[in-house]
Amino acid sequence: MPEMRLQQRWRDLGCKSPGEMRVQDAVEFVGDHVAQHVAAGYEMNADKLQDLAALIISKTGANSLILKPTVGGRLEPRLRDLPALVLETYQRGAANDGVYAASGQYSKKA
């Protein structure tokens, strides 16, 4: 449950209490957080991504936040509610990103 995860980890995430946040606050927080990592060239760890996803899901009800780059170098947030089949397909693909099935070796940094 995203709400339970968020209640346990919001302090580690660095945001204010989720109960005090509006939807726009949550979207801006996640967008800014991701933009900082992209600009610095750092990958985000899986726990941090799951925490950010829990914030978006619990505050908006959407199951995805697409951050589309704009001409000015910013990220434009777009909330979507993707069908479960799309999410499952993505999850299976993401689990195999960068790994050759036969050797188990990484083909690139995923």
Protein backbone atom coordinates (compact mmCIF):
# COMPACT_ATOMS: atom_id res chain seq x y z
CA MET A 1 0.00 0.00 0.00
CA PRO A 2 1.53 3.31 -1.07
CA GLU A 3 -0.08 5.20 1.79
CA MET A 4 1.50 2.92 4.39
CA ARG A 5 4.92 3.20 2.77
CA LEU A 6 4.61 6.98 2.68
CA GLN A 7 3.59 7.20 6.34
CA GLN A 8 6.67 5.20 7.31
CA ARG A 9 9.19 6.96 5.07
CA TRP A 10 8.12 10.56 4.39
CA ARG A 11 10.75 12.00 6.73
CA ASP A 12 13.51 10.10 4.90
CA LEU A 13 12.12 11.42 1.63
CA GLY A 14 12.63 14.99 2.83
CA CYS A 15 9.12 16.32 2.25
CA LYS A 16 6.73 17.85 4.72
CA SER A 17 3.98 15.75 6.24
CA PRO A 18 1.92 14.19 3.43
CA GLY A 19 -1.25 15.22 5.24
CA GLU A 20 -0.23 18.87 4.88
CA MET A 21 0.65 18.60 1.18
CA ARG A 22 -1.68 19.51 -1.65
CA VAL A 23 -1.58 17.60 -4.93
CA GLN A 24 0.38 20.40 -6.60
CA ASP A 25 2.93 20.36 -3.74
CA ALA A 26 3.50 16.63 -4.23
CA VAL A 27 3.87 16.91 -8.01
CA GLU A 28 6.31 19.82 -7.69
CA PHE A 29 8.32 18.03 -4.99
CA VAL A 30 8.70 14.89 -7.11
CA GLY A 31 9.44 16.86 -10.29
CA ASP A 32 12.10 18.97 -8.58
CA HIS A 33 13.63 15.92 -6.92
CA VAL A 34 13.91 14.01 -10.20
CA ALA A 35 15.16 17.08 -12.08
CA GLN A 36 18.00 17.53 -9.56
CA HIS A 37 19.12 13.93 -10.04
CA VAL A 38 18.90 14.16 -13.83
CA ALA A 39 20.83 17.44 -13.92
CA ALA A 40 23.55 16.02 -11.68
CA GLY A 41 23.72 12.78 -13.68
CA TYR A 42 22.97 10.59 -10.67
CA GLU A 43 20.82 7.50 -10.76
CA MET A 44 18.13 7.24 -8.13
CA ASN A 45 18.02 4.10 -6.03
CA ALA A 46 14.96 1.86 -6.10
CA ASP A 47 13.84 2.77 -2.56
CA LYS A 48 13.84 6.48 -3.39
CA LEU A 49 11.86 5.87 -6.58
CA GLN A 50 9.32 3.77 -4.69
CA ASP A 51 8.99 6.50 -2.06
CA LEU A 52 8.37 9.14 -4.73
CA ALA A 53 5.86 6.85 -6.44
CA ALA A 54 4.06 6.31 -3.14
CA LEU A 55 3.79 10.08 -2.69
CA ILE A 56 2.30 10.56 -6.17
CA ILE A 57 -0.12 7.65 -5.84
CA SER A 58 -1.32 8.59 -2.38
CA LYS A 59 -1.76 12.30 -3.12
CA THR A 60 -3.16 12.14 -6.66
CA GLY A 61 -4.67 8.70 -7.17
CA ALA A 62 -2.73 8.44 -10.44
CA ASN A 63 -0.40 5.50 -10.88
CA SER A 64 2.18 7.32 -13.00
CA LEU A 65 3.81 10.70 -13.29
CA ILE A 66 5.45 11.41 -16.62
CA LEU A 67 8.00 14.22 -16.53
CA LYS A 68 8.29 15.53 -20.08
CA PRO A 69 11.32 17.76 -20.81
CA THR A 70 10.44 21.21 -22.16
CA VAL A 71 12.39 23.55 -24.42
CA GLY A 72 13.49 25.64 -21.43
CA GLY A 73 15.15 22.64 -19.78
CA ARG A 74 12.44 22.13 -17.17
CA LEU A 75 10.23 19.11 -16.67
CA GLU A 76 6.49 19.31 -17.31
CA PRO A 77 4.51 16.91 -15.08
CA ARG A 78 1.73 14.80 -16.57
CA LEU A 79 -0.35 12.55 -14.35
CA ARG A 80 -1.77 9.37 -15.84
CA ASP A 81 -3.69 6.36 -14.67
CA LEU A 82 -2.18 3.58 -16.75
CA PRO A 83 -3.91 0.21 -17.17
CA ALA A 84 -2.50 -2.61 -15.04
CA LEU A 85 -1.35 -4.52 -18.14
CA VAL A 86 0.85 -1.60 -19.21
CA LEU A 87 2.42 -1.36 -15.76
CA GLU A 88 3.05 -5.12 -15.62
CA THR A 89 4.66 -5.05 -19.07
CA TYR A 90 6.91 -2.17 -18.04
CA GLN A 91 7.85 -3.92 -14.80
CA ARG A 92 8.85 -7.09 -16.65
CA GLY A 93 10.91 -5.08 -19.14
CA ALA A 94 12.57 -2.98 -16.45
CA ALA A 95 13.57 -6.14 -14.58
CA ASN A 96 15.50 -7.26 -17.69
CA ASP A 97 17.02 -3.91 -18.71
CA GLY A 98 20.69 -4.16 -19.41
CA VAL A 99 21.05 -7.90 -18.69
CA TYR A 100 21.85 -10.56 -21.24
CA ALA A 101 19.62 -13.50 -20.30
CA ALA A 102 22.17 -16.21 -21.17
CA SER A 103 25.17 -14.74 -19.36
CA GLY A 104 23.56 -12.65 -16.64
CA GLN A 105 26.08 -9.91 -17.49
CA TYR A 106 25.02 -6.29 -17.81
CA SER A 107 25.08 -4.97 -21.35
CA LYS A 108 24.86 -1.33 -20.27
CA LYS A 109 24.14 0.70 -17.18
CA ALA A 110 20.38 0.49 -16.79
